[in-house]
Amino acid sequence: QAILAQSRSSYSGHMSDSDEFEYESDDDPYGGAEEEDGDEEAIQIENTFYEADDNKQNYPEQALEQFQKVVSLETARGTEVVWRFKALQNIVMLCARLSRFDEMATRYRELLSYMDQVTRNDASEAINTVLDSASSASDLSKLETIYELTLDALKATANQRLWFSTSVKLAKLHFELGDVQKLQRLVRSLHKTCQKPDGTDDVSKGSQLLEVYALEIQMCTLTKNSLRMKEIYPKTINLTSAIADPRNIAVIRESGGKMYMSEKKWEAAYNEFFEAFKNYQETGNSTRAKIMLKYVVLANMLALSDINPFDSREAKVYQDDPEISAMASLRTAYEQNDIRTIDNLLTNPSYRILSDAFIRTYLQDLLRNIRLQVLQNIMAPYRCVSLQFLAKEINVDQEEVTSLLVQLILDEKIAARIDGTQGFLHVSSGSTDEAKKFANIQKWVDSFERIHNGLLGKLNQMQLP
């Protein structure tokens, strides 16, 4: 400081009066004289903070001690909060990084106690940063404590937006933990903030309503409440005026796809999963996007659709991923009615197709659809074919192949009859449409014959004496 003062004095000696005036009137936020005299303790606190900030990336333990020193020094000076709030924010984040979650909760309580002494923006930024850091906690109960501490502190403030976003994060945690009762209570509270005094939804809060409905739909999935799901789902689709967060849309569409799958509405499920896939991709959540793409292929094959989802621009991004490549091969084998390749793809653990519990749920439906397709193609050139031969071709037992043939006959996909005694399938000549036409003509002839016989009977009665 002495050197700085001397240099300034020397420098001012060479300036004109106007130059000196310009220099002294310069906008110095700290004030020239004040900087010279200085508050040694305040300067030390500031320097310690910036040293800690430089060290926190590579030397977290050292940075932690320095930030704690900032808090201690400024607390000893009095009630004014200048550096300790940011220092505490960094302490909490470093504790999370070092997995010291008990210490983190203690220091977070201290941080929250200063919320009324900083601006709303600083408080919101600090809380959001801390919650993002805490989300890496492996012990979810510790994370739950952090969220609950935040909500308790926010009760005394008017920061409704921050309360809502924090409550949503806590609700997602309850869902992850499977705590239905806590989830129901919190969703109910969240929904109430999005309603008018008469209890109806306030559509002006469309984005928040979508978040609430996304949570409730996930809760319905968890509790298997399909009736409530059917009631909620149309409301989410109708909230078109909302500036929708694609993360919420993705969750809603995924849940809608699962709902339609449970009802065996394969085409509707395919459309929902594809929308979920695009929204997850938009948010950069490639993990969920890949899972949705698998579900898209599953629903597509169950719907017996001719549309290949891998022809879309969005799906081609993942074509080199091993798991997605396996699903693409499954789709190709399906198109080619290659049942053996399909079996190999499904049973090979390296492809991880059946590692997904949801896909496993619909495996039998998928295999049945594929076998129906393959069976119909295999028997096309035959007029009489052994049931044993058909069973061997599609790798099932004779009882299963009989069940498949019965479904094809009832669905009028083939015109045939099963000889269970001899173990043969007799296929009617001509196409299914022709067979149907001749069957209708036969019914017509039979009706005329009944009418003819009825008239003859009446005539015979009239001729009797």
Protein backbone atom coordinates (compact mmCIF):
# COMPACT_ATOMS: atom_id res chain seq x y z
CA GLN A 1 0.00 0.00 0.00
CA ALA A 2 2.89 2.41 0.81
CA ILE A 3 4.47 1.67 -2.58
CA LEU A 4 1.07 2.16 -4.28
CA ALA A 5 0.60 5.53 -2.47
CA GLN A 6 4.11 6.65 -3.40
CA SER A 7 3.64 5.71 -7.06
CA ARG A 8 0.35 7.57 -7.16
CA SER A 9 1.98 10.65 -5.55
CA SER A 10 4.87 10.52 -8.01
CA TYR A 11 2.50 9.99 -10.92
CA SER A 12 0.27 12.93 -9.88
CA GLY A 13 3.29 15.21 -9.76
CA HIS A 14 3.64 14.96 -13.52
CA MET A 15 -0.04 15.68 -14.25
CA SER A 16 -1.81 18.92 -14.88
CA ASP A 17 -4.59 20.12 -12.58
CA SER A 18 -7.22 18.91 -15.04
CA ASP A 19 -5.57 15.49 -15.35
CA GLU A 20 -5.38 15.17 -11.58
CA PHE A 21 -9.05 16.10 -11.35
CA GLU A 22 -9.95 13.41 -13.87
CA TYR A 23 -7.94 10.81 -11.97
CA GLU A 24 -9.47 11.64 -8.62
CA SER A 25 -12.98 11.63 -10.00
CA ASP A 26 -12.55 8.14 -11.49
CA ASP A 27 -15.31 5.75 -10.46
CA ASP A 28 -13.50 3.55 -7.96
CA PRO A 29 -15.93 1.20 -6.22
CA TYR A 30 -13.67 0.85 -3.20
CA GLY A 31 -12.54 4.52 -2.92
CA GLY A 32 -8.86 5.47 -3.29
CA ALA A 33 -8.23 6.68 0.21
CA GLU A 34 -10.20 3.84 1.73
CA GLU A 35 -8.13 1.31 -0.18
CA GLU A 36 -4.93 2.97 1.04
CA ASP A 37 -5.98 3.04 4.68
CA GLY A 38 -7.64 -0.32 4.23
CA ASP A 39 -9.57 -2.66 6.46
CA GLU A 40 -6.93 -5.33 6.91
CA GLU A 41 -9.41 -7.88 8.26
CA ALA A 42 -11.89 -7.36 5.41
CA ILE A 43 -9.09 -7.71 2.87
CA GLN A 44 -7.95 -10.91 4.56
CA ILE A 45 -11.48 -12.37 4.41
CA GLU A 46 -11.79 -11.50 0.73
CA ASN A 47 -8.36 -12.90 -0.14
CA THR A 48 -9.03 -16.09 1.81
CA PHE A 49 -12.32 -16.58 -0.04
CA TYR A 50 -10.67 -16.27 -3.46
CA GLU A 51 -7.79 -18.54 -2.45
CA ALA A 52 -10.34 -21.16 -1.38
CA ASP A 53 -12.24 -20.66 -4.63
CA ASP A 54 -9.02 -21.36 -6.58
CA ASN A 55 -8.26 -24.48 -4.51
CA LYS A 56 -11.70 -26.11 -4.45
CA GLN A 57 -11.25 -27.98 -7.73
CA ASN A 58 -7.89 -29.64 -7.05
CA TYR A 59 -7.51 -29.32 -3.27
CA PRO A 60 -11.02 -29.67 -1.79
CA GLU A 61 -9.86 -30.37 1.79
CA GLN A 62 -7.68 -27.25 1.87
CA ALA A 63 -10.46 -25.19 0.26
CA LEU A 64 -12.91 -26.45 2.86
CA GLU A 65 -10.70 -25.21 5.70
CA GLN A 66 -10.26 -21.84 3.98
CA PHE A 67 -14.00 -21.35 3.43
CA GLN A 68 -14.61 -22.22 7.08
CA LYS A 69 -12.01 -19.61 8.05
CA VAL A 70 -13.95 -17.02 5.98
CA VAL A 71 -17.13 -17.86 7.91
CA SER A 72 -15.38 -17.65 11.29
CA LEU A 73 -13.61 -14.37 10.52
CA GLU A 74 -16.71 -12.61 9.20
CA THR A 75 -18.92 -13.92 12.02
CA ALA A 76 -16.47 -12.48 14.54
CA ARG A 77 -16.77 -9.07 12.86
CA GLY A 78 -20.52 -8.76 13.46
CA THR A 79 -23.86 -9.33 11.76
CA GLU A 80 -23.03 -7.99 8.30
CA VAL A 81 -23.14 -10.77 5.69
CA VAL A 82 -20.73 -10.18 2.80
CA TRP A 83 -18.65 -13.33 2.17
CA ARG A 84 -19.88 -15.97 4.58
CA PHE A 85 -23.08 -16.80 2.65
CA LYS A 86 -21.11 -17.71 -0.48
CA ALA A 87 -18.49 -19.43 1.66
CA LEU A 88 -21.16 -21.59 3.32
CA GLN A 89 -22.61 -22.40 -0.09
CA ASN A 90 -19.20 -23.70 -1.18
CA ILE A 91 -18.74 -25.59 2.10
CA VAL A 92 -22.04 -27.42 1.58
CA MET A 93 -21.10 -28.31 -2.00
CA LEU A 94 -17.65 -29.54 -0.97
CA CYS A 95 -19.15 -31.65 1.82
CA ALA A 96 -21.45 -33.26 -0.76
CA ARG A 97 -18.49 -33.90 -3.03
CA LEU A 98 -16.51 -35.44 -0.16
CA SER A 99 -19.56 -37.50 0.94
CA ARG A 100 -19.72 -35.80 4.36
CA PHE A 101 -23.49 -35.65 4.36
CA ASP A 102 -24.04 -35.14 8.10
CA GLU A 103 -21.69 -32.14 8.09
CA MET A 104 -23.35 -30.99 4.88
CA ALA A 105 -26.79 -30.93 6.55
CA THR A 106 -25.41 -28.98 9.54
CA ARG A 107 -23.73 -26.33 7.39
CA TYR A 108 -26.78 -26.16 5.11
CA ARG A 109 -28.96 -25.24 8.10
CA GLU A 110 -26.49 -22.44 8.80
CA LEU A 111 -26.64 -21.29 5.17
CA LEU A 112 -30.45 -21.20 5.22
CA SER A 113 -30.43 -19.04 8.35
CA TYR A 114 -28.91 -16.19 6.29
CA MET A 115 -31.56 -16.27 3.54
CA ASP A 116 -33.29 -13.14 4.82
CA GLN A 117 -29.98 -11.23 4.72
CA VAL A 118 -29.25 -11.74 1.01
CA THR A 119 -31.21 -10.97 -2.15
CA ARG A 120 -33.87 -13.37 -3.38
CA ASN A 121 -31.82 -14.13 -6.49
CA ASP A 122 -28.74 -14.98 -4.43
CA ALA A 123 -30.81 -17.20 -2.13
CA SER A 124 -32.50 -18.99 -5.05
CA GLU A 125 -29.22 -19.51 -6.88
CA ALA A 126 -27.54 -20.87 -3.74
CA ILE A 127 -30.36 -23.29 -2.95
CA ASN A 128 -30.60 -24.59 -6.52
CA THR A 129 -26.83 -25.06 -6.71
CA VAL A 130 -26.78 -26.92 -3.39
CA LEU A 131 -29.70 -29.17 -4.38
CA ASP A 132 -27.99 -30.04 -7.65
CA SER A 133 -24.81 -30.94 -5.75
CA ALA A 134 -26.73 -32.95 -3.17
CA SER A 135 -28.50 -34.98 -5.87
CA SER A 136 -25.32 -37.04 -6.24
CA ALA A 137 -25.79 -38.49 -2.74
CA SER A 138 -25.88 -42.27 -2.73
CA ASP A 139 -27.85 -42.29 0.52
CA LEU A 140 -31.23 -40.98 -0.61
CA SER A 141 -32.41 -40.45 2.97
CA LYS A 142 -29.68 -37.78 3.35
CA LEU A 143 -30.93 -36.11 0.19
CA GLU A 144 -34.47 -36.22 1.58
CA THR A 145 -33.22 -34.36 4.69
CA ILE A 146 -31.70 -31.61 2.52
CA TYR A 147 -34.97 -31.14 0.61
CA GLU A 148 -37.03 -31.03 3.82
CA LEU A 149 -34.68 -28.47 5.39
CA THR A 150 -35.10 -26.31 2.29
CA LEU A 151 -38.90 -26.49 2.36
CA ASP A 152 -38.97 -25.64 6.08
CA ALA A 153 -36.82 -22.57 5.44
CA LEU A 154 -38.98 -21.50 2.48
CA LYS A 155 -42.17 -21.49 4.55
CA ALA A 156 -41.16 -18.14 6.03
CA THR A 157 -40.53 -16.61 2.60
CA ALA A 158 -42.78 -15.62 -0.27
CA ASN A 159 -40.67 -17.45 -2.84
CA GLN A 160 -43.46 -19.64 -4.22
CA ARG A 161 -41.56 -20.60 -7.36
CA LEU A 162 -38.58 -21.96 -5.42
CA TRP A 163 -40.93 -23.80 -3.01
CA PHE A 164 -42.71 -25.41 -5.97
CA SER A 165 -39.52 -26.52 -7.77
CA THR A 166 -38.03 -27.91 -4.53
CA SER A 167 -41.27 -29.74 -3.72
CA VAL A 168 -41.24 -31.32 -7.18
CA LYS A 169 -37.68 -32.57 -6.59
CA LEU A 170 -38.70 -34.03 -3.23
CA ALA A 171 -41.75 -35.69 -4.80
CA LYS A 172 -39.52 -37.33 -7.42
CA LEU A 173 -37.31 -38.59 -4.60
CA HIS A 174 -40.35 -40.06 -2.79
CA PHE A 175 -41.27 -41.80 -6.06
CA GLU A 176 -37.76 -43.20 -6.39
CA LEU A 177 -37.90 -44.45 -2.79
CA GLY A 178 -41.39 -45.90 -3.36
CA ASP A 179 -42.85 -43.91 -0.46
CA VAL A 180 -46.44 -43.65 -1.75
CA GLN A 181 -47.95 -41.91 1.31
CA LYS A 182 -45.44 -39.05 1.33
CA LEU A 183 -45.72 -38.78 -2.45
CA GLN A 184 -49.52 -38.55 -2.31
CA ARG A 185 -49.43 -35.81 0.35
CA LEU A 186 -46.90 -33.73 -1.54
CA VAL A 187 -48.63 -34.13 -4.92
CA ARG A 188 -51.88 -33.04 -3.28
CA SER A 189 -50.17 -29.90 -1.90
CA LEU A 190 -48.59 -29.13 -5.26
CA HIS A 191 -51.88 -29.58 -7.10
CA LYS A 192 -53.64 -27.24 -4.68
CA THR A 193 -51.27 -24.40 -5.66
CA CYS A 194 -52.35 -24.85 -9.29
CA GLN A 195 -56.09 -24.62 -8.61
CA LYS A 196 -58.59 -21.77 -8.48
CA PRO A 197 -60.57 -21.06 -5.30
CA ASP A 198 -63.42 -23.24 -6.61
CA GLY A 199 -61.07 -26.26 -6.87
CA THR A 200 -60.79 -26.35 -10.67
CA ASP A 201 -57.46 -26.35 -12.48
CA ASP A 202 -55.97 -22.94 -13.22
CA VAL A 203 -54.96 -23.37 -16.88
CA SER A 204 -52.85 -20.20 -16.68
CA LYS A 205 -50.44 -22.33 -14.64
CA GLY A 206 -50.24 -24.91 -17.40
CA SER A 207 -46.52 -25.66 -17.03
CA GLN A 208 -46.84 -26.28 -13.30
CA LEU A 209 -49.98 -28.38 -13.84
CA LEU A 210 -48.07 -30.55 -16.28
CA GLU A 211 -45.37 -31.13 -13.67
CA VAL A 212 -48.01 -32.10 -11.09
CA TYR A 213 -49.80 -34.42 -13.53
CA ALA A 214 -46.49 -35.98 -14.56
CA LEU A 215 -45.87 -36.82 -10.89
CA GLU A 216 -49.39 -38.13 -10.40
CA ILE A 217 -49.14 -40.30 -13.52
CA GLN A 218 -45.90 -41.79 -12.19
CA MET A 219 -47.66 -42.40 -8.88
CA CYS A 220 -50.48 -44.20 -10.74
CA THR A 221 -47.86 -46.37 -12.42
CA LEU A 222 -46.33 -47.15 -9.03
CA THR A 223 -49.69 -48.03 -7.43
CA LYS A 224 -51.09 -49.64 -10.62
CA ASN A 225 -54.10 -47.30 -10.46
CA SER A 226 -55.16 -47.57 -14.11
CA LEU A 227 -58.55 -45.91 -13.54
CA ARG A 228 -56.97 -42.70 -12.20
CA MET A 229 -54.39 -42.84 -14.98
CA LYS A 230 -57.14 -42.88 -17.63
CA GLU A 231 -58.77 -39.91 -15.92
CA ILE A 232 -55.58 -37.83 -15.72
CA TYR A 233 -53.98 -38.62 -19.06
CA PRO A 234 -56.44 -36.74 -21.33
CA LYS A 235 -56.01 -33.63 -19.14
CA THR A 236 -52.28 -33.58 -19.81
CA ILE A 237 -52.83 -33.78 -23.57
CA ASN A 238 -55.35 -30.92 -23.41
CA LEU A 239 -52.89 -28.55 -21.71
CA THR A 240 -51.69 -27.32 -25.09
CA SER A 241 -51.46 -23.68 -23.96
CA ALA A 242 -48.64 -24.49 -21.56
CA ILE A 243 -45.02 -23.81 -22.43
CA ALA A 244 -44.28 -27.43 -21.76
CA ASP A 245 -40.98 -28.67 -20.36
CA PRO A 246 -39.97 -31.60 -22.62
CA ARG A 247 -38.80 -33.49 -19.50
CA ASN A 248 -42.37 -33.55 -18.19
CA ILE A 249 -43.83 -34.34 -21.62
CA ALA A 250 -41.40 -37.26 -21.92
CA VAL A 251 -42.53 -38.72 -18.57
CA ILE A 252 -46.21 -38.26 -19.45
CA ARG A 253 -45.85 -39.82 -22.90
CA GLU A 254 -43.85 -42.74 -21.52
CA SER A 255 -46.54 -43.41 -18.91
CA GLY A 256 -49.24 -43.10 -21.58
CA GLY A 257 -47.41 -45.65 -23.71
CA LYS A 258 -47.26 -48.09 -20.80
CA MET A 259 -50.96 -47.53 -20.12
CA TYR A 260 -51.86 -48.39 -23.72
CA MET A 261 -49.54 -51.42 -23.65
CA SER A 262 -51.41 -52.78 -20.62
CA GLU A 263 -54.62 -52.44 -22.66
CA LYS A 264 -52.95 -54.12 -25.67
CA LYS A 265 -53.51 -51.00 -27.79
CA TRP A 266 -50.21 -51.49 -29.55
CA GLU A 267 -50.55 -48.76 -32.20
CA ALA A 268 -51.44 -46.08 -29.63
CA ALA A 269 -48.56 -47.25 -27.42
CA TYR A 270 -46.17 -47.00 -30.38
CA ASN A 271 -47.14 -43.35 -30.98
CA GLU A 272 -46.78 -42.43 -27.29
CA PHE A 273 -43.37 -44.09 -26.92
CA PHE A 274 -42.10 -42.37 -30.05
CA GLU A 275 -43.15 -38.97 -28.65
CA ALA A 276 -41.45 -39.82 -25.34
CA PHE A 277 -38.31 -40.84 -27.25
CA LYS A 278 -38.17 -37.50 -29.10
CA ASN A 279 -38.69 -35.48 -25.91
CA TYR A 280 -36.03 -37.39 -23.97
CA GLN A 281 -33.68 -36.83 -26.89
CA GLU A 282 -34.49 -33.11 -26.87
CA THR A 283 -33.54 -32.83 -23.20
CA GLY A 284 -30.25 -34.64 -23.79
CA ASN A 285 -31.27 -37.67 -21.71
CA SER A 286 -29.74 -40.28 -24.03
CA THR A 287 -30.17 -43.11 -21.50
CA ARG A 288 -33.96 -42.75 -21.35
CA ALA A 289 -34.10 -41.99 -25.08
CA LYS A 290 -32.47 -45.35 -25.85
CA ILE A 291 -34.87 -47.17 -23.54
CA MET A 292 -37.83 -45.46 -25.23
CA LEU A 293 -36.49 -46.45 -28.64
CA LYS A 294 -36.50 -50.09 -27.50
CA TYR A 295 -40.13 -49.69 -26.41
CA VAL A 296 -40.94 -48.06 -29.76
CA VAL A 297 -39.63 -51.14 -31.58
CA LEU A 298 -41.49 -53.46 -29.20
CA ALA A 299 -44.85 -51.71 -29.70
CA ASN A 300 -44.20 -51.45 -33.42
CA MET A 301 -43.77 -55.22 -33.78
CA LEU A 302 -46.74 -55.97 -31.52
CA ALA A 303 -48.86 -53.71 -33.72
CA LEU A 304 -47.71 -55.71 -36.78
CA SER A 305 -46.84 -52.35 -38.32
CA ASP A 306 -45.12 -51.96 -41.68
CA ILE A 307 -43.48 -48.73 -40.49
CA ASN A 308 -39.81 -49.16 -39.59
CA PRO A 309 -39.00 -46.78 -36.70
CA PHE A 310 -35.31 -46.89 -37.64
CA ASP A 311 -36.10 -45.02 -40.85
CA SER A 312 -36.69 -41.86 -38.79
CA ARG A 313 -33.93 -39.24 -38.52
CA GLU A 314 -34.10 -39.23 -34.70
CA ALA A 315 -33.58 -42.99 -34.41
CA LYS A 316 -30.62 -43.09 -36.80
CA VAL A 317 -28.54 -41.17 -34.25
CA TYR A 318 -28.40 -44.34 -32.10
CA GLN A 319 -27.92 -46.91 -34.86
CA ASP A 320 -24.29 -47.64 -33.83
CA ASP A 321 -25.18 -48.30 -30.19
CA PRO A 322 -24.84 -52.09 -29.54
CA GLU A 323 -28.18 -52.44 -27.72
CA ILE A 324 -30.06 -50.38 -30.31
CA SER A 325 -28.29 -52.25 -33.11
CA ALA A 326 -29.63 -55.49 -31.58
CA MET A 327 -33.17 -54.06 -31.60
CA ALA A 328 -32.70 -53.03 -35.25
CA SER A 329 -31.60 -56.60 -36.06
CA LEU A 330 -34.68 -57.88 -34.22
CA ARG A 331 -36.87 -55.61 -36.34
CA THR A 332 -35.16 -56.85 -39.55
CA ALA A 333 -35.60 -60.50 -38.51
CA TYR A 334 -39.25 -59.73 -37.80
CA GLU A 335 -39.70 -58.33 -41.32
CA GLN A 336 -38.03 -61.41 -42.77
CA ASN A 337 -39.99 -63.81 -40.54
CA ASP A 338 -36.68 -65.27 -39.34
CA ILE A 339 -37.80 -66.92 -36.10
CA ARG A 340 -34.41 -68.51 -35.35
CA THR A 341 -32.54 -65.19 -35.52
CA ILE A 342 -35.21 -63.65 -33.33
CA ASP A 343 -34.76 -66.39 -30.71
CA ASN A 344 -30.96 -65.92 -30.80
CA LEU A 345 -31.23 -62.15 -30.38
CA LEU A 346 -33.64 -62.47 -27.46
CA THR A 347 -31.66 -65.14 -25.60
CA ASN A 348 -28.15 -63.67 -26.13
CA PRO A 349 -27.26 -61.86 -22.85
CA SER A 350 -24.76 -59.56 -24.58
CA TYR A 351 -27.62 -57.77 -26.36
CA ARG A 352 -29.43 -57.09 -23.04
CA ILE A 353 -32.84 -57.06 -24.75
CA LEU A 354 -34.49 -59.08 -21.99
CA SER A 355 -32.64 -57.25 -19.19
CA ASP A 356 -35.53 -54.76 -19.24
CA ALA A 357 -38.41 -55.95 -17.04
CA PHE A 358 -40.96 -54.05 -19.14
CA ILE A 359 -39.89 -55.80 -22.35
CA ARG A 360 -39.97 -59.16 -20.55
CA THR A 361 -43.59 -58.48 -19.55
CA TYR A 362 -44.62 -58.42 -23.22
CA LEU A 363 -42.21 -61.06 -24.47
CA GLN A 364 -44.88 -63.73 -24.88
CA ASP A 365 -47.17 -61.32 -26.73
CA LEU A 366 -44.27 -60.40 -29.01
CA LEU A 367 -43.25 -63.99 -29.67
CA ARG A 368 -46.86 -64.97 -30.34
CA ASN A 369 -47.27 -62.18 -32.89
CA ILE A 370 -44.02 -63.11 -34.61
CA ARG A 371 -44.92 -66.81 -34.67
CA LEU A 372 -48.34 -66.03 -36.13
CA GLN A 373 -46.66 -64.10 -38.93
CA VAL A 374 -44.07 -66.82 -39.56
CA LEU A 375 -46.62 -69.63 -39.37
CA GLN A 376 -48.88 -67.96 -41.90
CA ASN A 377 -45.96 -67.65 -44.35
CA ILE A 378 -44.71 -71.23 -43.79
CA MET A 379 -48.05 -72.86 -44.54
CA ALA A 380 -48.85 -70.70 -47.60
CA PRO A 381 -47.72 -73.26 -50.24
CA TYR A 382 -49.40 -76.25 -48.54
CA ARG A 383 -52.89 -77.74 -48.80
CA CYS A 384 -52.21 -80.33 -46.13
CA VAL A 385 -49.37 -80.04 -43.63
CA SER A 386 -48.31 -81.89 -40.51
CA LEU A 387 -48.75 -80.09 -37.19
CA GLN A 388 -45.49 -81.63 -36.02
CA PHE A 389 -43.65 -80.10 -38.98
CA LEU A 390 -45.11 -76.65 -38.27
CA ALA A 391 -44.20 -76.90 -34.58
CA LYS A 392 -40.60 -77.78 -35.46
CA GLU A 393 -40.33 -74.89 -37.92
CA ILE A 394 -41.28 -72.24 -35.36
CA ASN A 395 -39.58 -73.98 -32.43
CA VAL A 396 -42.68 -74.62 -30.25
CA ASP A 397 -44.58 -77.72 -29.12
CA GLN A 398 -47.61 -79.13 -30.97
CA GLU A 399 -50.07 -77.75 -28.44
CA GLU A 400 -48.77 -74.22 -28.96
CA VAL A 401 -48.85 -74.50 -32.75
CA THR A 402 -52.47 -75.72 -32.55
CA SER A 403 -53.36 -72.66 -30.44
CA LEU A 404 -51.71 -70.37 -33.01
CA LEU A 405 -53.55 -72.04 -35.89
CA VAL A 406 -56.89 -71.69 -34.08
CA GLN A 407 -56.24 -67.93 -33.70
CA LEU A 408 -55.40 -67.59 -37.40
CA ILE A 409 -58.61 -69.40 -38.35
CA LEU A 410 -60.79 -67.36 -35.97
CA ASP A 411 -59.19 -64.12 -37.20
CA GLU A 412 -59.98 -65.33 -40.75
CA LYS A 413 -56.32 -65.05 -41.70
CA ILE A 414 -56.46 -68.57 -43.13
CA ALA A 415 -59.26 -70.83 -44.35
CA ALA A 416 -58.44 -74.23 -42.92
CA ARG A 417 -59.50 -76.96 -40.53
CA ILE A 418 -57.41 -78.83 -37.96
CA ASP A 419 -57.45 -82.62 -37.85
CA GLY A 420 -56.35 -83.15 -34.27
CA THR A 421 -56.71 -86.94 -34.47
CA GLN A 422 -54.34 -87.42 -37.40
CA GLY A 423 -52.24 -84.32 -36.60
CA PHE A 424 -52.72 -82.44 -39.86
CA LEU A 425 -53.91 -79.04 -41.00
CA HIS A 426 -56.11 -79.05 -44.11
CA VAL A 427 -56.06 -75.76 -45.95
CA SER A 428 -58.99 -74.82 -48.18
CA SER A 429 -58.14 -74.08 -51.81
CA GLY A 430 -58.12 -70.50 -52.99
CA SER A 431 -57.45 -67.36 -51.04
CA THR A 432 -59.10 -66.46 -47.76
CA ASP A 433 -61.26 -63.88 -49.53
CA GLU A 434 -62.43 -66.46 -52.09
CA ALA A 435 -63.12 -69.00 -49.37
CA LYS A 436 -65.16 -66.39 -47.51
CA LYS A 437 -67.11 -65.58 -50.67
CA PHE A 438 -67.93 -69.26 -51.33
CA ALA A 439 -68.88 -69.74 -47.68
CA ASN A 440 -71.40 -66.89 -47.99
CA ILE A 441 -72.78 -68.36 -51.20
CA GLN A 442 -73.15 -71.72 -49.46
CA LYS A 443 -75.08 -70.06 -46.63
CA TRP A 444 -77.32 -68.44 -49.23
CA VAL A 445 -77.95 -71.80 -50.94
CA ASP A 446 -78.65 -73.45 -47.60
CA SER A 447 -81.22 -70.74 -46.80
CA PHE A 448 -82.98 -71.28 -50.13
CA GLU A 449 -83.00 -75.02 -49.54
CA ARG A 450 -84.62 -74.54 -46.12
CA ILE A 451 -87.27 -72.25 -47.66
CA HIS A 452 -87.86 -74.76 -50.48
CA ASN A 453 -88.29 -77.65 -48.07
CA GLY A 454 -90.62 -75.56 -45.92
CA LEU A 455 -92.86 -74.71 -48.90
CA LEU A 456 -92.97 -78.34 -50.02
CA GLY A 457 -94.06 -79.38 -46.55
CA LYS A 458 -96.90 -76.88 -46.54
CA LEU A 459 -98.03 -77.97 -50.03
CA ASN A 460 -98.10 -81.57 -48.96
CA GLN A 461 -100.27 -80.67 -45.99
CA MET A 462 -102.69 -78.77 -48.23
CA GLN A 463 -103.07 -81.79 -50.57
CA LEU A 464 -104.05 -84.15 -47.75
CA PRO A 465 -107.85 -84.89 -47.50
